[in-house]
Structures are given as C-alpha cells and as structure tokens.
Amino acid sequence: MIREGKVVRLEICGLPWPLKSEIPMDDFLKLVEALHLLARYVDLARIGEGAGRPGQPSGWTRGELRAFLEERNEAQKAFLKVLAERGEVTRRELLRELRDQLGKPGYGGKDLAGLVAGINRRIGVLGKEPLFSIERRRIGGRLDGVYKVNPRYRDLLLELLVSSGAGKA
C-alpha cells in the first residue's frame, strides 16, 4: 500500500512483511530489484510453509473465486471449465478436450502438468481450499489420472466461467 509517495504496507507471495519504517519510492525500486534477484534463488512462495501458517486452508467466497479466475490464462480457465462441467474426467479425456477447445493439437502432458502446477501454486499462496483433486485409477487395465472438481465449488465455478466466456475456441 502506498500513501503520500511512500510504501506503508508490504505483502509478498501472500505474506505480510512487517516494515520497520515507511519506504520512500526511490528505495522501494531498489528493494524490488533486490527481491527480483532473491526470487531467482529462493522460492518465496514457500516461505513460511509448515511453521507459523494457519493449518487449514480457507474456503472461497464468490468475489475471491471471481478474482482468482480473472487471473487465470485461457488454458487454465478451459481446464477448470471442463472439470466444472464434467465433475470428473480422465487425463486422456481432459487432454483431448483441451486440445479441441484451445485449438492446439500438440497440447500434451507436460503442458497439463504446468497448468495444474500454476493453479495449485496460486491456490497455495492464497491459503485457499483446492478446487480439484487428482487420483490414480486403473481404467481398462491401464493406470490413468482422474481429475475431480471440488464439489463444494462446482456450481460456482461453472457459473463464473460460463458468464466470462471461458474455454471458447
């Protein structure tokens, strides 16, 4: 938070950083550069994991979920929309659906893994309940991942994603 040309409150990766004093803007720019360098070597999002953080993630409000979805890219929104529509989907079906919706025939497992990691990382930083889970199941003699939407947020996800036009090719 900035007041009268000085930073008076600082939050990084969802954690408040207590300030000893207000930071003039010239010094703040230097601080941002230093933090950028630090972030190349330190996973700032994981600072505070375990000790000192509240144990249970909190639930999503409509406004929080709307803001979260607005931050997501096209592929992440399409992923969440497929889960909200279907409730549960295998990895193979999900990849097929994402390729169709995104118009990217080469969209593969590594892309999906990155998409999932990006969503889960942000959810973790926010300290919120997961929006989906993944389990391994034997289907037709083969092991496959099954993605399941959190039933508590299924209807709200679908409502917000449909109203935003997410997942349209």
C-alpha atoms as a PDB file:
ATOM      1  CA  MET A   1       0.000   0.000   0.000  1.00  0.00           C
ATOM      2  CA  ILE A   2       1.328   3.390  -0.957  1.00  0.00           C
ATOM      3  CA  ARG A   3       0.451   6.590   0.876  1.00  0.00           C
ATOM      4  CA  GLU A   4       1.905  10.025   0.160  1.00  0.00           C
ATOM      5  CA  GLY A   5       4.630   8.609  -2.085  1.00  0.00           C
ATOM      6  CA  LYS A   6       5.818   6.000   0.418  1.00  0.00           C
ATOM      7  CA  VAL A   7       5.165   2.276   0.800  1.00  0.00           C
ATOM      8  CA  VAL A   8       3.419   1.840   4.144  1.00  0.00           C
ATOM      9  CA  ARG A   9       2.391  -1.825   3.849  1.00  0.00           C
ATOM     10  CA  LEU A  10       4.139  -4.653   2.002  1.00  0.00           C
ATOM     11  CA  GLU A  11       2.818  -8.105   1.114  1.00  0.00           C
ATOM     12  CA  ILE A  12       4.854 -10.624  -0.898  1.00  0.00           C
ATOM     13  CA  CYS A  13       3.545 -14.029  -2.015  1.00  0.00           C
ATOM     14  CA  GLY A  14       0.505 -13.631   0.207  1.00  0.00           C
ATOM     15  CA  LEU A  15       2.536 -12.951   3.356  1.00  0.00           C
ATOM     16  CA  PRO A  16       2.679  -9.556   5.080  1.00  0.00           C
ATOM     17  CA  TRP A  17       6.207  -8.259   5.601  1.00  0.00           C
ATOM     18  CA  PRO A  18       6.341  -6.060   8.715  1.00  0.00           C
ATOM     19  CA  LEU A  19       8.064  -2.782   7.956  1.00  0.00           C
ATOM     20  CA  LYS A  20      10.384  -1.011  10.376  1.00  0.00           C
ATOM     21  CA  SER A  21       9.552   2.254   8.647  1.00  0.00           C
ATOM     22  CA  GLU A  22       7.828   3.604   5.549  1.00  0.00           C
ATOM     23  CA  ILE A  23       9.797   3.065   2.327  1.00  0.00           C
ATOM     24  CA  PRO A  24      10.417   6.061   0.013  1.00  0.00           C
ATOM     25  CA  MET A  25       9.669   5.214  -3.642  1.00  0.00           C
ATOM     26  CA  ASP A  26      13.327   5.543  -4.727  1.00  0.00           C
ATOM     27  CA  ASP A  27      14.338   2.966  -2.125  1.00  0.00           C
ATOM     28  CA  PHE A  28      11.338   0.804  -2.977  1.00  0.00           C
ATOM     29  CA  LEU A  29      12.538   0.474  -6.573  1.00  0.00           C
ATOM     30  CA  LYS A  30      15.914  -0.739  -5.265  1.00  0.00           C
ATOM     31  CA  LEU A  31      14.110  -3.151  -2.944  1.00  0.00           C
ATOM     32  CA  VAL A  32      12.079  -4.572  -5.839  1.00  0.00           C
ATOM     33  CA  GLU A  33      15.284  -5.178  -7.810  1.00  0.00           C
ATOM     34  CA  ALA A  34      16.825  -6.916  -4.800  1.00  0.00           C
ATOM     35  CA  LEU A  35      13.713  -9.073  -4.335  1.00  0.00           C
ATOM     36  CA  HIS A  36      13.771  -9.983  -8.006  1.00  0.00           C
ATOM     37  CA  LEU A  37      17.344 -11.205  -7.598  1.00  0.00           C
ATOM     38  CA  LEU A  38      16.434 -13.064  -4.411  1.00  0.00           C
ATOM     39  CA  ALA A  39      13.476 -14.748  -6.155  1.00  0.00           C
ATOM     40  CA  ARG A  40      15.876 -16.257  -8.697  1.00  0.00           C
ATOM     41  CA  TYR A  41      17.399 -18.329  -5.885  1.00  0.00           C
ATOM     42  CA  VAL A  42      14.733 -18.575  -3.175  1.00  0.00           C
ATOM     43  CA  ASP A  43      11.204 -19.935  -3.595  1.00  0.00           C
ATOM     44  CA  LEU A  44       9.464 -17.004  -1.933  1.00  0.00           C
ATOM     45  CA  ALA A  45       6.030 -18.598  -2.277  1.00  0.00           C
ATOM     46  CA  ARG A  46       7.073 -21.427   0.040  1.00  0.00           C
ATOM     47  CA  ILE A  47       8.458 -19.241   2.815  1.00  0.00           C
ATOM     48  CA  GLY A  48       6.500 -19.935   5.949  1.00  0.00           C
ATOM     49  CA  GLU A  49       5.196 -23.335   4.883  1.00  0.00           C
ATOM     50  CA  GLY A  50       4.637 -25.563   7.835  1.00  0.00           C
ATOM     51  CA  ALA A  51       5.542 -23.419  10.821  1.00  0.00           C
ATOM     52  CA  GLY A  52       3.538 -20.349  11.656  1.00  0.00           C
ATOM     53  CA  ARG A  53       0.893 -20.615   8.929  1.00  0.00           C
ATOM     54  CA  PRO A  54      -2.708 -21.430   9.696  1.00  0.00           C
ATOM     55  CA  GLY A  55      -3.239 -25.194   9.383  1.00  0.00           C
ATOM     56  CA  GLN A  56      -6.428 -25.336   7.370  1.00  0.00           C
ATOM     57  CA  PRO A  57      -6.999 -23.601   4.056  1.00  0.00           C
ATOM     58  CA  SER A  58      -9.972 -21.273   3.991  1.00  0.00           C
ATOM     59  CA  GLY A  59     -12.989 -21.510   1.733  1.00  0.00           C
ATOM     60  CA  TRP A  60     -13.589 -19.378  -1.341  1.00  0.00           C
ATOM     61  CA  THR A  61     -16.051 -16.511  -1.455  1.00  0.00           C
ATOM     62  CA  ARG A  62     -17.722 -15.621  -4.759  1.00  0.00           C
ATOM     63  CA  GLY A  63     -15.589 -12.496  -5.073  1.00  0.00           C
ATOM     64  CA  GLU A  64     -12.344 -14.296  -4.273  1.00  0.00           C
ATOM     65  CA  LEU A  65     -13.060 -17.034  -6.795  1.00  0.00           C
ATOM     66  CA  ARG A  66     -14.051 -14.493  -9.454  1.00  0.00           C
ATOM     67  CA  ALA A  67     -10.791 -12.571  -8.907  1.00  0.00           C
ATOM     68  CA  PHE A  68      -8.789 -15.824  -8.981  1.00  0.00           C
ATOM     69  CA  LEU A  69     -10.400 -16.858 -12.275  1.00  0.00           C
ATOM     70  CA  GLU A  70      -9.745 -13.436 -13.821  1.00  0.00           C
ATOM     71  CA  GLU A  71      -6.014 -14.012 -13.197  1.00  0.00           C
ATOM     72  CA  ARG A  72      -6.024 -17.378 -14.996  1.00  0.00           C
ATOM     73  CA  ASN A  73      -4.892 -17.827 -18.591  1.00  0.00           C
ATOM     74  CA  GLU A  74      -7.066 -19.318 -21.343  1.00  0.00           C
ATOM     75  CA  ALA A  75      -5.830 -22.891 -20.847  1.00  0.00           C
ATOM     76  CA  GLN A  76      -6.317 -22.776 -17.074  1.00  0.00           C
ATOM     77  CA  LYS A  77      -9.855 -21.456 -17.488  1.00  0.00           C
ATOM     78  CA  ALA A  78     -10.643 -24.151 -20.067  1.00  0.00           C
ATOM     79  CA  PHE A  79      -9.285 -26.810 -17.684  1.00  0.00           C
ATOM     80  CA  LEU A  80     -11.420 -25.585 -14.783  1.00  0.00           C
ATOM     81  CA  LYS A  81     -14.475 -25.291 -17.010  1.00  0.00           C
ATOM     82  CA  VAL A  82     -14.138 -28.879 -18.245  1.00  0.00           C
ATOM     83  CA  LEU A  83     -13.850 -30.064 -14.642  1.00  0.00           C
ATOM     84  CA  ALA A  84     -16.844 -27.992 -13.559  1.00  0.00           C
ATOM     85  CA  GLU A  85     -18.941 -29.305 -16.460  1.00  0.00           C
ATOM     86  CA  ARG A  86     -17.972 -32.952 -16.104  1.00  0.00           C
ATOM     87  CA  GLY A  87     -17.255 -33.232 -12.387  1.00  0.00           C
ATOM     88  CA  GLU A  88     -14.688 -35.948 -13.037  1.00  0.00           C
ATOM     89  CA  VAL A  89     -12.560 -36.630 -16.111  1.00  0.00           C
ATOM     90  CA  THR A  90      -9.621 -38.866 -17.010  1.00  0.00           C
ATOM     91  CA  ARG A  91      -6.319 -37.369 -18.080  1.00  0.00           C
ATOM     92  CA  ARG A  92      -6.746 -38.710 -21.624  1.00  0.00           C
ATOM     93  CA  GLU A  93     -10.235 -37.223 -21.960  1.00  0.00           C
ATOM     94  CA  LEU A  94      -9.072 -33.949 -20.445  1.00  0.00           C
ATOM     95  CA  LEU A  95      -6.151 -33.616 -22.858  1.00  0.00           C
ATOM     96  CA  ARG A  96      -8.437 -34.364 -25.813  1.00  0.00           C
ATOM     97  CA  GLU A  97     -10.918 -31.726 -24.621  1.00  0.00           C
ATOM     98  CA  LEU A  98      -8.219 -29.105 -24.037  1.00  0.00           C
ATOM     99  CA  ARG A  99      -6.681 -29.719 -27.472  1.00  0.00           C
ATOM    100  CA  ASP A 100     -10.098 -29.151 -29.042  1.00  0.00           C
ATOM    101  CA  GLN A 101     -11.020 -26.083 -27.001  1.00  0.00           C
ATOM    102  CA  LEU A 102      -7.633 -24.409 -27.308  1.00  0.00           C
ATOM    103  CA  GLY A 103      -7.129 -25.366 -30.952  1.00  0.00           C
ATOM    104  CA  LYS A 104      -3.717 -26.831 -30.098  1.00  0.00           C
ATOM    105  CA  PRO A 105      -3.361 -30.404 -31.375  1.00  0.00           C
ATOM    106  CA  GLY A 106       0.088 -30.696 -29.766  1.00  0.00           C
ATOM    107  CA  TYR A 107      -1.121 -29.829 -26.259  1.00  0.00           C
ATOM    108  CA  GLY A 108       0.311 -32.617 -24.106  1.00  0.00           C
ATOM    109  CA  GLY A 109       1.005 -33.979 -20.675  1.00  0.00           C
ATOM    110  CA  LYS A 110       3.786 -31.526 -19.864  1.00  0.00           C
ATOM    111  CA  ASP A 111       1.509 -28.621 -20.753  1.00  0.00           C
ATOM    112  CA  LEU A 112      -1.194 -30.046 -18.496  1.00  0.00           C
ATOM    113  CA  ALA A 113       1.273 -30.573 -15.648  1.00  0.00           C
ATOM    114  CA  GLY A 114       2.410 -26.939 -15.893  1.00  0.00           C
ATOM    115  CA  LEU A 115      -1.175 -25.714 -15.991  1.00  0.00           C
ATOM    116  CA  VAL A 116      -2.095 -27.737 -12.885  1.00  0.00           C
ATOM    117  CA  ALA A 117       1.051 -26.621 -11.037  1.00  0.00           C
ATOM    118  CA  GLY A 118       0.310 -22.978 -11.822  1.00  0.00           C
ATOM    119  CA  ILE A 119      -3.222 -23.203 -10.479  1.00  0.00           C
ATOM    120  CA  ASN A 120      -2.241 -25.142  -7.365  1.00  0.00           C
ATOM    121  CA  ARG A 121       0.702 -22.877  -6.605  1.00  0.00           C
ATOM    122  CA  ARG A 122      -1.517 -19.797  -6.620  1.00  0.00           C
ATOM    123  CA  ILE A 123      -4.183 -21.541  -4.523  1.00  0.00           C
ATOM    124  CA  GLY A 124      -1.481 -22.476  -2.005  1.00  0.00           C
ATOM    125  CA  VAL A 125      -0.168 -18.923  -1.822  1.00  0.00           C
ATOM    126  CA  LEU A 126      -3.712 -17.685  -1.207  1.00  0.00           C
ATOM    127  CA  GLY A 127      -4.243 -20.325   1.504  1.00  0.00           C
ATOM    128  CA  LYS A 128      -7.482 -21.493  -0.114  1.00  0.00           C
ATOM    129  CA  GLU A 129      -9.177 -24.868  -0.457  1.00  0.00           C
ATOM    130  CA  PRO A 130      -8.219 -26.871  -3.554  1.00  0.00           C
ATOM    131  CA  LEU A 131     -10.596 -26.516  -6.496  1.00  0.00           C
ATOM    132  CA  PHE A 132      -9.832 -30.037  -7.724  1.00  0.00           C
ATOM    133  CA  SER A 133      -8.053 -33.249  -6.833  1.00  0.00           C
ATOM    134  CA  ILE A 134      -6.164 -35.825  -8.862  1.00  0.00           C
ATOM    135  CA  GLU A 135      -6.104 -39.538  -8.180  1.00  0.00           C
ATOM    136  CA  ARG A 136      -4.612 -42.511  -9.983  1.00  0.00           C
ATOM    137  CA  ARG A 137      -7.004 -45.282 -11.094  1.00  0.00           C
ATOM    138  CA  ARG A 138      -6.751 -48.398 -13.151  1.00  0.00           C
ATOM    139  CA  ILE A 139      -9.131 -47.941 -16.073  1.00  0.00           C
ATOM    140  CA  GLY A 140      -9.422 -50.634 -18.726  1.00  0.00           C
ATOM    141  CA  GLY A 141      -6.267 -52.317 -17.443  1.00  0.00           C
ATOM    142  CA  ARG A 142      -4.238 -49.077 -17.631  1.00  0.00           C
ATOM    143  CA  LEU A 143      -3.296 -46.637 -14.907  1.00  0.00           C
ATOM    144  CA  ASP A 144      -4.680 -43.158 -15.580  1.00  0.00           C
ATOM    145  CA  GLY A 145      -5.054 -39.893 -13.707  1.00  0.00           C
ATOM    146  CA  VAL A 146      -8.575 -38.856 -12.792  1.00  0.00           C
ATOM    147  CA  TYR A 147      -9.253 -35.174 -12.188  1.00  0.00           C
ATOM    148  CA  LYS A 148     -12.172 -34.342  -9.908  1.00  0.00           C
ATOM    149  CA  VAL A 149     -13.631 -30.922  -9.220  1.00  0.00           C
ATOM    150  CA  ASN A 150     -14.195 -29.968  -5.587  1.00  0.00           C
ATOM    151  CA  PRO A 151     -17.985 -30.462  -5.356  1.00  0.00           C
ATOM    152  CA  ARG A 152     -18.270 -27.531  -2.961  1.00  0.00           C
ATOM    153  CA  TYR A 153     -17.287 -25.112  -5.772  1.00  0.00           C
ATOM    154  CA  ARG A 154     -18.541 -26.910  -8.876  1.00  0.00           C
ATOM    155  CA  ASP A 155     -21.683 -24.833  -9.450  1.00  0.00           C
ATOM    156  CA  LEU A 156     -19.983 -21.519  -8.674  1.00  0.00           C
ATOM    157  CA  LEU A 157     -17.030 -22.338 -10.945  1.00  0.00           C
ATOM    158  CA  LEU A 158     -19.371 -23.247 -13.774  1.00  0.00           C
ATOM    159  CA  GLU A 159     -21.444 -20.106 -13.287  1.00  0.00           C
ATOM    160  CA  LEU A 160     -18.419 -17.792 -13.218  1.00  0.00           C
ATOM    161  CA  LEU A 161     -16.613 -19.481 -16.116  1.00  0.00           C
ATOM    162  CA  VAL A 162     -19.690 -19.595 -18.360  1.00  0.00           C
ATOM    163  CA  SER A 163     -20.522 -15.933 -17.647  1.00  0.00           C
ATOM    164  CA  SER A 164     -16.928 -14.945 -18.531  1.00  0.00           C
ATOM    165  CA  GLY A 165     -16.985 -16.923 -21.783  1.00  0.00           C
ATOM    166  CA  ALA A 166     -14.038 -19.090 -20.668  1.00  0.00           C
ATOM    167  CA  GLY A 167     -12.959 -22.065 -22.717  1.00  0.00           C
ATOM    168  CA  LYS A 168     -14.399 -20.912 -26.028  1.00  0.00           C
ATOM    169  CA  ALA A 169     -12.254 -21.530 -29.062  1.00  0.00           C
END
